[in-house]
PDB file of N, CA and C in Angstrom:
ATOM      1  N   MET A   1      32.053  32.829  -3.648  1.00  0.00           N
ATOM      2  CA  MET A   1      32.644  31.527  -3.886  1.00  0.00           C
ATOM      3  C   MET A   1      31.663  30.666  -4.687  1.00  0.00           C
ATOM      4  N   PRO A   2      32.115  30.039  -5.763  1.00  0.00           N
ATOM      5  CA  PRO A   2      31.213  29.201  -6.569  1.00  0.00           C
ATOM      6  C   PRO A   2      30.819  27.918  -5.843  1.00  0.00           C
ATOM      7  N   LYS A   3      29.641  27.451  -6.168  1.00  0.00           N
ATOM      8  CA  LYS A   3      29.194  26.160  -5.644  1.00  0.00           C
ATOM      9  C   LYS A   3      30.036  25.047  -6.266  1.00  0.00           C
ATOM     10  N   ALA A   4      29.952  23.865  -5.674  1.00  0.00           N
ATOM     11  CA  ALA A   4      30.667  22.705  -6.198  1.00  0.00           C
ATOM     12  C   ALA A   4      29.667  21.578  -6.393  1.00  0.00           C
ATOM     13  N   TYR A   5      29.980  20.704  -7.326  1.00  0.00           N
ATOM     14  CA  TYR A   5      29.090  19.595  -7.665  1.00  0.00           C
ATOM     15  C   TYR A   5      29.873  18.283  -7.652  1.00  0.00           C
ATOM     16  N   TRP A   6      29.296  17.322  -6.979  1.00  0.00           N
ATOM     17  CA  TRP A   6      29.842  15.968  -6.887  1.00  0.00           C
ATOM     18  C   TRP A   6      29.014  15.148  -7.857  1.00  0.00           C
ATOM     19  N   ILE A   7      29.645  14.605  -8.871  1.00  0.00           N
ATOM     20  CA  ILE A   7      28.956  13.850  -9.912  1.00  0.00           C
ATOM     21  C   ILE A   7      29.428  12.404  -9.854  1.00  0.00           C
ATOM     22  N   SER A   8      28.495  11.494  -9.635  1.00  0.00           N
ATOM     23  CA  SER A   8      28.798  10.062  -9.619  1.00  0.00           C
ATOM     24  C   SER A   8      28.132   9.422 -10.828  1.00  0.00           C
ATOM     25  N   ALA A   9      28.922   8.743 -11.641  1.00  0.00           N
ATOM     26  CA  ALA A   9      28.398   8.041 -12.815  1.00  0.00           C
ATOM     27  C   ALA A   9      28.704   6.558 -12.651  1.00  0.00           C
ATOM     28  N   TYR A  10      27.656   5.757 -12.642  1.00  0.00           N
ATOM     29  CA  TYR A  10      27.782   4.315 -12.417  1.00  0.00           C
ATOM     30  C   TYR A  10      27.793   3.591 -13.759  1.00  0.00           C
ATOM     31  N   GLN A  11      28.902   2.932 -14.075  1.00  0.00           N
ATOM     32  CA  GLN A  11      28.962   2.139 -15.298  1.00  0.00           C
ATOM     33  C   GLN A  11      28.345   0.760 -15.102  1.00  0.00           C
ATOM     34  N   GLU A  12      28.459   0.245 -13.878  1.00  0.00           N
ATOM     35  CA  GLU A  12      27.950  -1.109 -13.617  1.00  0.00           C
ATOM     36  C   GLU A  12      27.644  -1.265 -12.131  1.00  0.00           C
ATOM     37  N   VAL A  13      26.517  -1.904 -11.828  1.00  0.00           N
ATOM     38  CA  VAL A  13      26.179  -2.262 -10.454  1.00  0.00           C
ATOM     39  C   VAL A  13      26.266  -3.779 -10.364  1.00  0.00           C
ATOM     40  N   ARG A  14      27.243  -4.261  -9.630  1.00  0.00           N
ATOM     41  CA  ARG A  14      27.481  -5.703  -9.496  1.00  0.00           C
ATOM     42  C   ARG A  14      26.810  -6.302  -8.270  1.00  0.00           C
ATOM     43  N   ASN A  15      26.591  -5.465  -7.251  1.00  0.00           N
ATOM     44  CA  ASN A  15      26.003  -5.956  -6.008  1.00  0.00           C
ATOM     45  C   ASN A  15      24.971  -4.932  -5.522  1.00  0.00           C
ATOM     46  N   PRO A  16      23.701  -5.083  -5.922  1.00  0.00           N
ATOM     47  CA  PRO A  16      22.663  -4.119  -5.526  1.00  0.00           C
ATOM     48  C   PRO A  16      22.474  -4.009  -4.014  1.00  0.00           C
ATOM     49  N   ASP A  17      22.682  -5.115  -3.291  1.00  0.00           N
ATOM     50  CA  ASP A  17      22.524  -5.068  -1.835  1.00  0.00           C
ATOM     51  C   ASP A  17      23.588  -4.179  -1.195  1.00  0.00           C
ATOM     52  N   ALA A  18      24.827  -4.284  -1.665  1.00  0.00           N
ATOM     53  CA  ALA A  18      25.896  -3.432  -1.141  1.00  0.00           C
ATOM     54  C   ALA A  18      25.636  -1.974  -1.505  1.00  0.00           C
ATOM     55  N   LEU A  19      25.126  -1.729  -2.703  1.00  0.00           N
ATOM     56  CA  LEU A  19      24.798  -0.361  -3.111  1.00  0.00           C
ATOM     57  C   LEU A  19      23.696   0.208  -2.219  1.00  0.00           C
ATOM     58  N   ALA A  20      22.704  -0.596  -1.886  1.00  0.00           N
ATOM     59  CA  ALA A  20      21.627  -0.142  -0.998  1.00  0.00           C
ATOM     60  C   ALA A  20      22.163   0.178   0.399  1.00  0.00           C
ATOM     61  N   ALA A  21      23.068  -0.658   0.904  1.00  0.00           N
ATOM     62  CA  ALA A  21      23.673  -0.408   2.216  1.00  0.00           C
ATOM     63  C   ALA A  21      24.488   0.881   2.192  1.00  0.00           C
ATOM     64  N   TYR A  22      25.218   1.092   1.106  1.00  0.00           N
ATOM     65  CA  TYR A  22      25.993   2.321   0.916  1.00  0.00           C
ATOM     66  C   TYR A  22      25.063   3.535   0.906  1.00  0.00           C
ATOM     67  N   ALA A  23      23.979   3.456   0.144  1.00  0.00           N
ATOM     68  CA  ALA A  23      23.068   4.591  -0.009  1.00  0.00           C
ATOM     69  C   ALA A  23      22.444   4.998   1.324  1.00  0.00           C
ATOM     70  N   LYS A  24      22.136   4.024   2.175  1.00  0.00           N
ATOM     71  CA  LYS A  24      21.556   4.333   3.488  1.00  0.00           C
ATOM     72  C   LYS A  24      22.500   5.162   4.340  1.00  0.00           C
ATOM     73  N   LEU A  25      23.794   4.964   4.151  1.00  0.00           N
ATOM     74  CA  LEU A  25      24.793   5.699   4.928  1.00  0.00           C
ATOM     75  C   LEU A  25      25.285   6.956   4.202  1.00  0.00           C
ATOM     76  N   ALA A  26      25.448   6.863   2.891  1.00  0.00           N
ATOM     77  CA  ALA A  26      26.030   7.975   2.128  1.00  0.00           C
ATOM     78  C   ALA A  26      25.102   9.178   2.090  1.00  0.00           C
ATOM     79  N   GLY A  27      23.809   8.959   1.885  1.00  0.00           N
ATOM     80  CA  GLY A  27      22.872  10.082   1.811  1.00  0.00           C
ATOM     81  C   GLY A  27      22.923  10.961   3.050  1.00  0.00           C
ATOM     82  N   PRO A  28      22.724  10.380   4.234  1.00  0.00           N
ATOM     83  CA  PRO A  28      22.801  11.187   5.453  1.00  0.00           C
ATOM     84  C   PRO A  28      24.187  11.802   5.693  1.00  0.00           C
ATOM     85  N   ALA A  29      25.248  11.076   5.341  1.00  0.00           N
ATOM     86  CA  ALA A  29      26.602  11.612   5.543  1.00  0.00           C
ATOM     87  C   ALA A  29      26.837  12.839   4.666  1.00  0.00           C
ATOM     88  N   LEU A  30      26.407  12.767   3.411  1.00  0.00           N
ATOM     89  CA  LEU A  30      26.603  13.905   2.512  1.00  0.00           C
ATOM     90  C   LEU A  30      25.700  15.068   2.901  1.00  0.00           C
ATOM     91  N   ALA A  31      24.478  14.779   3.318  1.00  0.00           N
ATOM     92  CA  ALA A  31      23.576  15.839   3.771  1.00  0.00           C
ATOM     93  C   ALA A  31      24.133  16.531   5.018  1.00  0.00           C
ATOM     94  N   ALA A  32      24.696  15.743   5.947  1.00  0.00           N
ATOM     95  CA  ALA A  32      25.284  16.308   7.158  1.00  0.00           C
ATOM     96  C   ALA A  32      26.464  17.223   6.832  1.00  0.00           C
ATOM     97  N   ALA A  33      27.117  16.960   5.707  1.00  0.00           N
ATOM     98  CA  ALA A  33      28.262  17.775   5.273  1.00  0.00           C
ATOM     99  C   ALA A  33      27.812  18.959   4.415  1.00  0.00           C
ATOM    100  N   GLY A  34      26.508  19.171   4.318  1.00  0.00           N
ATOM    101  CA  GLY A  34      26.001  20.307   3.560  1.00  0.00           C
ATOM    102  C   GLY A  34      25.607  19.997   2.132  1.00  0.00           C
ATOM    103  N   GLY A  35      25.649  18.732   1.739  1.00  0.00           N
ATOM    104  CA  GLY A  35      25.300  18.352   0.380  1.00  0.00           C
ATOM    105  C   GLY A  35      23.801  18.336   0.154  1.00  0.00           C
ATOM    106  N   ARG A  36      23.397  18.725  -1.050  1.00  0.00           N
ATOM    107  CA  ARG A  36      21.995  18.707  -1.457  1.00  0.00           C
ATOM    108  C   ARG A  36      21.884  17.907  -2.746  1.00  0.00           C
ATOM    109  N   PHE A  37      21.119  16.826  -2.708  1.00  0.00           N
ATOM    110  CA  PHE A  37      20.960  15.981  -3.886  1.00  0.00           C
ATOM    111  C   PHE A  37      20.090  16.719  -4.898  1.00  0.00           C
ATOM    112  N   VAL A  38      20.629  16.895  -6.107  1.00  0.00           N
ATOM    113  CA  VAL A  38      19.863  17.573  -7.159  1.00  0.00           C
ATOM    114  C   VAL A  38      19.507  16.622  -8.301  1.00  0.00           C
ATOM    115  N   VAL A  39      20.230  15.526  -8.434  1.00  0.00           N
ATOM    116  CA  VAL A  39      19.947  14.504  -9.452  1.00  0.00           C
ATOM    117  C   VAL A  39      20.269  13.153  -8.838  1.00  0.00           C
ATOM    118  N   ARG A  40      19.350  12.183  -9.068  1.00  0.00           N
ATOM    119  CA  ARG A  40      19.621  10.821  -8.589  1.00  0.00           C
ATOM    120  C   ARG A  40      18.764   9.875  -9.408  1.00  0.00           C
ATOM    121  N   GLY A  41      19.395   9.094 -10.288  1.00  0.00           N
ATOM    122  CA  GLY A  41      18.637   8.122 -11.058  1.00  0.00           C
ATOM    123  C   GLY A  41      19.181   7.911 -12.449  1.00  0.00           C
ATOM    124  N   MET A  42      18.360   7.276 -13.256  1.00  0.00           N
ATOM    125  CA  MET A  42      18.723   6.989 -14.646  1.00  0.00           C
ATOM    126  C   MET A  42      18.376   8.187 -15.525  1.00  0.00           C
ATOM    127  N   PRO A  43      19.148   8.412 -16.594  1.00  0.00           N
ATOM    128  CA  PRO A  43      18.841   9.530 -17.492  1.00  0.00           C
ATOM    129  C   PRO A  43      17.518   9.319 -18.216  1.00  0.00           C
ATOM    130  N   SER A  44      16.849  10.412 -18.507  1.00  0.00           N
ATOM    131  CA  SER A  44      15.643  10.358 -19.329  1.00  0.00           C
ATOM    132  C   SER A  44      16.019  10.142 -20.791  1.00  0.00           C
ATOM    133  N   ALA A  45      17.193  10.625 -21.168  1.00  0.00           N
ATOM    134  CA  ALA A  45      17.708  10.452 -22.531  1.00  0.00           C
ATOM    135  C   ALA A  45      19.222  10.608 -22.473  1.00  0.00           C
ATOM    136  N   VAL A  46      19.897   9.973 -23.415  1.00  0.00           N
ATOM    137  CA  VAL A  46      21.345  10.167 -23.563  1.00  0.00           C
ATOM    138  C   VAL A  46      21.615  10.587 -25.004  1.00  0.00           C
ATOM    139  N   LYS A  47      22.582  11.439 -25.183  1.00  0.00           N
ATOM    140  CA  LYS A  47      22.918  11.961 -26.510  1.00  0.00           C
ATOM    141  C   LYS A  47      24.417  11.832 -26.740  1.00  0.00           C
ATOM    142  N   GLU A  48      24.773  11.848 -27.991  1.00  0.00           N
ATOM    143  CA  GLU A  48      26.160  11.781 -28.447  1.00  0.00           C
ATOM    144  C   GLU A  48      26.843  10.551 -27.857  1.00  0.00           C
ATOM    145  N   ALA A  49      27.906  10.678 -27.089  1.00  0.00           N
ATOM    146  CA  ALA A  49      28.603   9.505 -26.562  1.00  0.00           C
ATOM    147  C   ALA A  49      28.108   9.128 -25.163  1.00  0.00           C
ATOM    148  N   GLY A  50      26.940   9.659 -24.752  1.00  0.00           N
ATOM    149  CA  GLY A  50      26.402   9.398 -23.424  1.00  0.00           C
ATOM    150  C   GLY A  50      26.060   7.937 -23.213  1.00  0.00           C
ATOM    151  N   LEU A  51      26.076   7.526 -21.968  1.00  0.00           N
ATOM    152  CA  LEU A  51      25.754   6.155 -21.589  1.00  0.00           C
ATOM    153  C   LEU A  51      24.504   6.157 -20.720  1.00  0.00           C
ATOM    154  N   MET A  52      23.666   5.167 -20.879  1.00  0.00           N
ATOM    155  CA  MET A  52      22.481   4.994 -20.040  1.00  0.00           C
ATOM    156  C   MET A  52      22.964   4.383 -18.728  1.00  0.00           C
ATOM    157  N   GLN A  53      23.323   5.261 -17.778  1.00  0.00           N
ATOM    158  CA  GLN A  53      23.860   4.794 -16.510  1.00  0.00           C
ATOM    159  C   GLN A  53      23.352   5.681 -15.377  1.00  0.00           C
ATOM    160  N   ARG A  54      23.221   5.085 -14.219  1.00  0.00           N
ATOM    161  CA  ARG A  54      22.777   5.820 -13.029  1.00  0.00           C
ATOM    162  C   ARG A  54      23.722   6.998 -12.802  1.00  0.00           C
ATOM    163  N   THR A  55      23.137   8.155 -12.521  1.00  0.00           N
ATOM    164  CA  THR A  55      23.913   9.364 -12.282  1.00  0.00           C
ATOM    165  C   THR A  55      23.383  10.046 -11.027  1.00  0.00           C
ATOM    166  N   VAL A  56      24.307  10.523 -10.198  1.00  0.00           N
ATOM    167  CA  VAL A  56      23.948  11.239  -8.983  1.00  0.00           C
ATOM    168  C   VAL A  56      24.742  12.548  -8.979  1.00  0.00           C
ATOM    169  N   ILE A  57      24.055  13.655  -8.711  1.00  0.00           N
ATOM    170  CA  ILE A  57      24.722  14.950  -8.583  1.00  0.00           C
ATOM    171  C   ILE A  57      24.324  15.549  -7.242  1.00  0.00           C
ATOM    172  N   VAL A  58      25.341  15.937  -6.475  1.00  0.00           N
ATOM    173  CA  VAL A  58      25.136  16.544  -5.165  1.00  0.00           C
ATOM    174  C   VAL A  58      25.775  17.930  -5.202  1.00  0.00           C
ATOM    175  N   GLU A  59      25.022  18.930  -4.781  1.00  0.00           N
ATOM    176  CA  GLU A  59      25.513  20.306  -4.761  1.00  0.00           C
ATOM    177  C   GLU A  59      26.039  20.652  -3.372  1.00  0.00           C
ATOM    178  N   PHE A  60      27.166  21.342  -3.337  1.00  0.00           N
ATOM    179  CA  PHE A  60      27.756  21.835  -2.090  1.00  0.00           C
ATOM    180  C   PHE A  60      27.983  23.335  -2.209  1.00  0.00           C
ATOM    181  N   ASP A  61      28.112  23.999  -1.088  1.00  0.00           N
ATOM    182  CA  ASP A  61      28.315  25.444  -1.099  1.00  0.00           C
ATOM    183  C   ASP A  61      29.630  25.857  -1.748  1.00  0.00           C
ATOM    184  N   ASN A  62      30.639  24.977  -1.675  1.00  0.00           N
ATOM    185  CA  ASN A  62      31.943  25.287  -2.271  1.00  0.00           C
ATOM    186  C   ASN A  62      32.761  24.005  -2.410  1.00  0.00           C
ATOM    187  N   ILE A  63      33.879  24.125  -3.091  1.00  0.00           N
ATOM    188  CA  ILE A  63      34.725  22.947  -3.372  1.00  0.00           C
ATOM    189  C   ILE A  63      35.289  22.341  -2.079  1.00  0.00           C
ATOM    190  N   GLN A  64      35.622  23.192  -1.115  1.00  0.00           N
ATOM    191  CA  GLN A  64      36.176  22.684   0.146  1.00  0.00           C
ATOM    192  C   GLN A  64      35.155  21.807   0.870  1.00  0.00           C
ATOM    193  N   ALA A  65      33.890  22.209   0.852  1.00  0.00           N
ATOM    194  CA  ALA A  65      32.849  21.410   1.514  1.00  0.00           C
ATOM    195  C   ALA A  65      32.672  20.062   0.823  1.00  0.00           C
ATOM    196  N   ALA A  66      32.728  20.049  -0.506  1.00  0.00           N
ATOM    197  CA  ALA A  66      32.578  18.790  -1.246  1.00  0.00           C
ATOM    198  C   ALA A  66      33.741  17.845  -0.956  1.00  0.00           C
ATOM    199  N   LEU A  67      34.944  18.375  -0.947  1.00  0.00           N
ATOM    200  CA  LEU A  67      36.121  17.542  -0.672  1.00  0.00           C
ATOM    201  C   LEU A  67      36.108  17.035   0.768  1.00  0.00           C
ATOM    202  N   ALA A  68      35.695  17.893   1.701  1.00  0.00           N
ATOM    203  CA  ALA A  68      35.613  17.479   3.107  1.00  0.00           C
ATOM    204  C   ALA A  68      34.556  16.394   3.281  1.00  0.00           C
ATOM    205  N   ALA A  69      33.460  16.478   2.533  1.00  0.00           N
ATOM    206  CA  ALA A  69      32.415  15.459   2.627  1.00  0.00           C
ATOM    207  C   ALA A  69      32.963  14.095   2.212  1.00  0.00           C
ATOM    208  N   TYR A  70      33.757  14.070   1.139  1.00  0.00           N
ATOM    209  CA  TYR A  70      34.319  12.801   0.683  1.00  0.00           C
ATOM    210  C   TYR A  70      35.228  12.187   1.745  1.00  0.00           C
ATOM    211  N   ASP A  71      35.951  13.029   2.458  1.00  0.00           N
ATOM    212  CA  ASP A  71      36.893  12.549   3.466  1.00  0.00           C
ATOM    213  C   ASP A  71      36.287  12.400   4.857  1.00  0.00           C
ATOM    214  N   SER A  72      34.987  12.669   4.999  1.00  0.00           N
ATOM    215  CA  SER A  72      34.355  12.629   6.323  1.00  0.00           C
ATOM    216  C   SER A  72      34.220  11.196   6.840  1.00  0.00           C
ATOM    217  N   PRO A  73      34.214  11.039   8.162  1.00  0.00           N
ATOM    218  CA  PRO A  73      34.035   9.700   8.741  1.00  0.00           C
ATOM    219  C   PRO A  73      32.736   9.024   8.295  1.00  0.00           C
ATOM    220  N   GLY A  74      31.654   9.776   8.200  1.00  0.00           N
ATOM    221  CA  GLY A  74      30.380   9.196   7.782  1.00  0.00           C
ATOM    222  C   GLY A  74      30.424   8.651   6.369  1.00  0.00           C
ATOM    223  N   TYR A  75      31.072   9.388   5.464  1.00  0.00           N
ATOM    224  CA  TYR A  75      31.162   8.900   4.089  1.00  0.00           C
ATOM    225  C   TYR A  75      32.135   7.734   3.991  1.00  0.00           C
ATOM    226  N   ARG A  76      33.183   7.753   4.782  1.00  0.00           N
ATOM    227  CA  ARG A  76      34.117   6.613   4.806  1.00  0.00           C
ATOM    228  C   ARG A  76      33.400   5.334   5.250  1.00  0.00           C
ATOM    229  N   GLU A  77      32.472   5.481   6.197  1.00  0.00           N
ATOM    230  CA  GLU A  77      31.676   4.333   6.643  1.00  0.00           C
ATOM    231  C   GLU A  77      30.806   3.820   5.490  1.00  0.00           C
ATOM    232  N   ALA A  78      30.230   4.743   4.721  1.00  0.00           N
ATOM    233  CA  ALA A  78      29.420   4.349   3.563  1.00  0.00           C
ATOM    234  C   ALA A  78      30.267   3.610   2.545  1.00  0.00           C
ATOM    235  N   LEU A  79      31.479   4.094   2.296  1.00  0.00           N
ATOM    236  CA  LEU A  79      32.375   3.417   1.347  1.00  0.00           C
ATOM    237  C   LEU A  79      32.723   2.011   1.823  1.00  0.00           C
ATOM    238  N   ALA A  80      32.894   1.854   3.121  1.00  0.00           N
ATOM    239  CA  ALA A  80      33.191   0.518   3.661  1.00  0.00           C
ATOM    240  C   ALA A  80      32.012  -0.428   3.414  1.00  0.00           C
ATOM    241  N   ALA A  81      30.787   0.077   3.557  1.00  0.00           N
ATOM    242  CA  ALA A  81      29.604  -0.750   3.301  1.00  0.00           C
ATOM    243  C   ALA A  81      29.501  -1.113   1.820  1.00  0.00           C
ATOM    244  N   LEU A  82      29.936  -0.213   0.955  1.00  0.00           N
ATOM    245  CA  LEU A  82      29.899  -0.472  -0.492  1.00  0.00           C
ATOM    246  C   LEU A  82      30.897  -1.552  -0.879  1.00  0.00           C
ATOM    247  N   GLY A  83      32.052  -1.555  -0.227  1.00  0.00           N
ATOM    248  CA  GLY A  83      33.080  -2.530  -0.564  1.00  0.00           C
ATOM    249  C   GLY A  83      33.853  -2.107  -1.804  1.00  0.00           C
ATOM    250  N   THR A  84      34.657  -3.011  -2.313  1.00  0.00           N
ATOM    251  CA  THR A  84      35.549  -2.657  -3.409  1.00  0.00           C
ATOM    252  C   THR A  84      35.096  -3.159  -4.773  1.00  0.00           C
ATOM    253  N   ASP A  85      34.100  -4.042  -4.818  1.00  0.00           N
ATOM    254  CA  ASP A  85      33.730  -4.635  -6.104  1.00  0.00           C
ATOM    255  C   ASP A  85      32.222  -4.569  -6.381  1.00  0.00           C
ATOM    256  N   ALA A  86      31.483  -3.787  -5.596  1.00  0.00           N
ATOM    257  CA  ALA A  86      30.025  -3.753  -5.755  1.00  0.00           C
ATOM    258  C   ALA A  86      29.586  -2.942  -6.966  1.00  0.00           C
ATOM    259  N   VAL A  87      30.361  -1.909  -7.297  1.00  0.00           N
ATOM    260  CA  VAL A  87      30.013  -1.046  -8.426  1.00  0.00           C
ATOM    261  C   VAL A  87      31.275  -0.663  -9.188  1.00  0.00           C
ATOM    262  N   VAL A  88      31.068  -0.308 -10.434  1.00  0.00           N
ATOM    263  CA  VAL A  88      32.101   0.350 -11.226  1.00  0.00           C
ATOM    264  C   VAL A  88      31.548   1.746 -11.480  1.00  0.00           C
ATOM    265  N   ARG A  89      32.236   2.755 -10.980  1.00  0.00           N
ATOM    266  CA  ARG A  89      31.756   4.126 -11.114  1.00  0.00           C
ATOM    267  C   ARG A  89      32.918   5.090 -11.091  1.00  0.00           C
ATOM    268  N   GLU A  90      32.607   6.309 -11.454  1.00  0.00           N
ATOM    269  CA  GLU A  90      33.572   7.376 -11.291  1.00  0.00           C
ATOM    270  C   GLU A  90      32.889   8.513 -10.563  1.00  0.00           C
ATOM    271  N   ILE A  91      33.667   9.205  -9.761  1.00  0.00           N
ATOM    272  CA  ILE A  91      33.163  10.375  -9.051  1.00  0.00           C
ATOM    273  C   ILE A  91      34.023  11.557  -9.488  1.00  0.00           C
ATOM    274  N   ARG A  92      33.345  12.630  -9.889  1.00  0.00           N
ATOM    275  CA  ARG A  92      34.031  13.872 -10.238  1.00  0.00           C
ATOM    276  C   ARG A  92      33.497  14.958  -9.328  1.00  0.00           C
ATOM    277  N   ILE A  93      34.385  15.748  -8.785  1.00  0.00           N
ATOM    278  CA  ILE A  93      33.994  16.904  -7.986  1.00  0.00           C
ATOM    279  C   ILE A  93      34.465  18.125  -8.756  1.00  0.00           C
ATOM    280  N   VAL A  94      33.501  18.947  -9.183  1.00  0.00           N
ATOM    281  CA  VAL A  94      33.818  20.091 -10.034  1.00  0.00           C
ATOM    282  C   VAL A  94      33.256  21.378  -9.421  1.00  0.00           C
ATOM    283  N   GLU A  95      33.964  22.452  -9.685  1.00  0.00           N
ATOM    284  CA  GLU A  95      33.511  23.754  -9.221  1.00  0.00           C
ATOM    285  C   GLU A  95      32.552  24.355 -10.229  1.00  0.00           C
ATOM    286  N   GLY A  96      31.479  24.966  -9.723  1.00  0.00           N
ATOM    287  CA  GLY A  96      30.513  25.620 -10.585  1.00  0.00           C
ATOM    288  C   GLY A  96      31.062  26.900 -11.186  1.00  0.00           C
ATOM    289  N   VAL A  97      30.335  27.441 -12.141  1.00  0.00           N
ATOM    290  CA  VAL A  97      30.773  28.684 -12.796  1.00  0.00           C
ATOM    291  C   VAL A  97      30.025  29.872 -12.233  1.00  0.00           C
TER     292      VAL A  97
END
């Protein structure tokens, strides 16, 4: 079974305090669900149509584990701490090759 990757790309951080509260809860929740952080931070360089934006990549053993992590109670608690207007971001969950 291929690994899965959760990719979060932040276009804008409007409330750093809410993001910090989210991160305190999201990291442990994703780790408890089997996630391993492989990238977290700003790009060293961007090319072509890339944007200089915070990027987070979390590796999971498979797509089912990544999807279950998103729906887990611990991650839902992190989302509640983040609120609805603290960041503008997109999350993609993709299967590895």
